[in-house]
Amino acid sequence: MLIAICYVAGILAGSIAGAAHTGSGVSGFASEMLRWVFLISVGVPLLISSGFHTFRGEVSARRLGWPPGNPFQTEVGIWDGAGGVIAVVAFWRHDGFWLATVIAHSLFWTGAGIVHVREIVKERNLRADNLLPAVVNFLVPVTLISLYALAS
């Protein structure tokens, strides 16, 4: 649920910031919107998720319908923390940092989405904590790539 709330909140905050950023046209609107999507839609949920996967991995696994006790929970948590920090830094940095952030997050979120879809199809895992990420994991890369293209 958190991932969906953060996605929508980032889109709303970005839309408001973009609309307030008058005089720059589509590029200025997209740039402002991308900053807020980096911060709220990507950075916040990844930082929160990092804590759960790293320090409460068994709880996270159960909520996802996955076997607990898997050391990959910690690995996912470490990536989530690193990715969250990168997304938060992208809120303030522009230059080539945005492109690297878009590429890294698009690859990770698409891959994670594929894993969630696989769980839905193969394991019939219809838990909300598996279904919502399956959708948002594909929306985030489309959003990042589209906004980056419009901002450039």
Protein backbone atom coordinates (compact mmCIF):
# COMPACT_ATOMS: atom_id res chain seq x y z
CA MET A 1 0.00 0.00 0.00
CA LEU A 2 2.85 2.37 0.88
CA ILE A 3 4.34 2.07 -2.59
CA ALA A 4 1.05 3.10 -4.24
CA ILE A 5 0.48 5.98 -1.82
CA CYS A 6 4.00 7.32 -2.39
CA TYR A 7 3.64 7.00 -6.16
CA VAL A 8 0.40 9.01 -6.19
CA ALA A 9 1.77 11.54 -3.68
CA GLY A 10 4.87 12.11 -5.82
CA ILE A 11 2.76 12.61 -8.95
CA LEU A 12 0.50 15.09 -7.12
CA ALA A 13 3.38 17.01 -5.52
CA GLY A 14 5.22 17.06 -8.84
CA SER A 15 2.15 18.29 -10.68
CA ILE A 16 1.66 21.12 -8.19
CA ALA A 17 5.35 22.08 -8.27
CA GLY A 18 5.40 21.84 -12.06
CA ALA A 19 2.31 24.02 -12.40
CA ALA A 20 3.87 26.62 -10.10
CA HIS A 21 7.01 26.58 -12.26
CA THR A 22 5.59 28.95 -14.87
CA GLY A 23 7.34 30.25 -17.92
CA SER A 24 9.43 27.17 -18.72
CA GLY A 25 6.96 25.24 -20.83
CA VAL A 26 6.74 21.47 -20.91
CA SER A 27 10.42 21.00 -20.14
CA GLY A 28 10.23 23.07 -16.94
CA PHE A 29 7.03 21.35 -15.84
CA ALA A 30 8.55 17.90 -16.46
CA SER A 31 11.78 18.83 -14.65
CA GLU A 32 9.93 19.95 -11.54
CA MET A 33 7.67 16.95 -11.65
CA LEU A 34 10.62 14.57 -12.07
CA ARG A 35 12.34 16.05 -9.00
CA TRP A 36 9.30 15.32 -6.82
CA VAL A 37 8.80 11.86 -8.29
CA PHE A 38 12.46 11.09 -7.46
CA LEU A 39 11.95 12.28 -3.89
CA ILE A 40 8.48 11.04 -2.96
CA SER A 41 7.59 8.26 -5.42
CA VAL A 42 11.02 6.61 -5.45
CA GLY A 43 13.19 7.81 -2.54
CA VAL A 44 10.71 7.65 0.33
CA PRO A 45 9.29 4.16 -0.32
CA LEU A 46 12.76 2.72 -0.98
CA LEU A 47 14.18 4.13 2.24
CA ILE A 48 11.25 2.80 4.25
CA SER A 49 11.41 -0.53 2.44
CA SER A 50 15.13 -0.71 3.16
CA GLY A 51 14.47 -0.69 6.87
CA PHE A 52 11.84 -3.42 6.63
CA HIS A 53 13.86 -5.71 4.34
CA THR A 54 17.09 -5.20 6.26
CA PHE A 55 15.92 -5.27 9.86
CA ARG A 56 12.54 -7.01 9.60
CA GLY A 57 13.20 -9.32 6.67
CA GLU A 58 11.08 -12.17 7.98
CA VAL A 59 8.08 -9.87 8.44
CA SER A 60 8.58 -8.43 4.94
CA ALA A 61 8.82 -11.90 3.43
CA ARG A 62 5.62 -13.08 5.12
CA ARG A 63 3.71 -9.97 4.00
CA LEU A 64 4.82 -10.63 0.43
CA GLY A 65 3.89 -14.29 0.71
CA TRP A 66 7.51 -15.37 0.30
CA PRO A 67 9.48 -17.82 2.47
CA PRO A 68 10.98 -16.13 5.55
CA GLY A 69 14.62 -16.51 6.54
CA ASN A 70 15.95 -15.81 3.06
CA PRO A 71 19.23 -13.79 3.11
CA PHE A 72 18.18 -12.05 -0.09
CA GLN A 73 15.83 -9.92 2.01
CA THR A 74 18.95 -8.22 3.37
CA GLU A 75 20.38 -7.75 -0.11
CA VAL A 76 17.14 -6.18 -1.32
CA GLY A 77 17.17 -3.97 1.77
CA ILE A 78 20.68 -2.75 1.02
CA TRP A 79 19.77 -1.94 -2.60
CA ASP A 80 16.59 -0.21 -1.45
CA GLY A 81 18.65 1.95 0.90
CA ALA A 82 21.21 2.81 -1.77
CA GLY A 83 18.52 3.43 -4.37
CA GLY A 84 16.54 5.57 -1.94
CA VAL A 85 19.55 7.75 -1.19
CA ILE A 86 20.30 8.12 -4.92
CA ALA A 87 16.70 9.18 -5.59
CA VAL A 88 16.75 11.72 -2.75
CA VAL A 89 20.05 13.17 -3.99
CA ALA A 90 18.52 13.41 -7.50
CA PHE A 91 15.96 15.82 -6.04
CA TRP A 92 18.77 18.38 -5.70
CA ARG A 93 21.26 17.27 -8.38
CA HIS A 94 20.61 17.57 -12.09
CA ASP A 95 23.29 17.29 -14.75
CA GLY A 96 24.13 13.66 -15.67
CA PHE A 97 22.96 12.42 -12.29
CA TRP A 98 19.33 12.36 -13.42
CA LEU A 99 20.04 10.07 -16.38
CA ALA A 100 21.96 7.62 -14.20
CA THR A 101 19.15 7.67 -11.62
CA VAL A 102 16.49 7.05 -14.27
CA ILE A 103 18.46 4.16 -15.79
CA ALA A 104 19.24 2.44 -12.47
CA HIS A 105 15.73 2.77 -11.10
CA SER A 106 14.03 1.80 -14.34
CA LEU A 107 16.06 -1.41 -14.53
CA PHE A 108 15.52 -2.30 -10.88
CA TRP A 109 11.80 -1.47 -10.72
CA THR A 110 11.07 -3.29 -14.00
CA GLY A 111 12.97 -6.35 -12.79
CA ALA A 112 11.14 -6.25 -9.46
CA GLY A 113 7.84 -5.94 -11.32
CA ILE A 114 8.65 -9.04 -13.35
CA VAL A 115 9.35 -10.95 -10.11
CA HIS A 116 6.00 -9.85 -8.65
CA VAL A 117 4.11 -10.81 -11.83
CA ARG A 118 5.86 -14.18 -11.83
CA GLU A 119 4.67 -14.69 -8.26
CA ILE A 120 1.11 -13.82 -9.28
CA VAL A 121 1.09 -16.17 -12.28
CA LYS A 122 3.19 -19.08 -11.07
CA GLU A 123 2.45 -19.11 -7.33
CA ARG A 124 -1.02 -17.51 -7.43
CA ASN A 125 0.28 -14.96 -4.91
CA LEU A 126 -2.54 -12.43 -4.82
CA ARG A 127 -1.57 -10.71 -1.57
CA ALA A 128 -1.91 -6.93 -1.69
CA ASP A 129 1.78 -6.55 -0.83
CA ASN A 130 2.56 -8.49 -4.01
CA LEU A 131 -0.18 -7.11 -6.30
CA LEU A 132 0.36 -3.36 -5.73
CA PRO A 133 4.12 -3.52 -6.32
CA ALA A 134 3.44 -5.53 -9.49
CA VAL A 135 1.58 -2.51 -10.87
CA VAL A 136 3.66 0.34 -9.44
CA ASN A 137 6.94 -1.36 -10.37
CA PHE A 138 6.00 -0.84 -14.03
CA LEU A 139 4.47 2.63 -13.58
CA VAL A 140 7.61 4.11 -12.00
CA PRO A 141 9.97 3.37 -14.93
CA VAL A 142 7.42 4.62 -17.47
CA THR A 143 7.00 7.79 -15.40
CA LEU A 144 10.74 8.34 -14.93
CA ILE A 145 11.62 7.74 -18.57
CA SER A 146 8.74 9.89 -19.86
CA LEU A 147 9.47 12.80 -17.53
CA TYR A 148 13.19 12.63 -18.23
CA ALA A 149 12.55 12.69 -22.00
CA LEU A 150 10.20 15.67 -21.63
CA ALA A 151 12.61 17.50 -19.33
CA SER A 152 15.61 17.08 -21.65
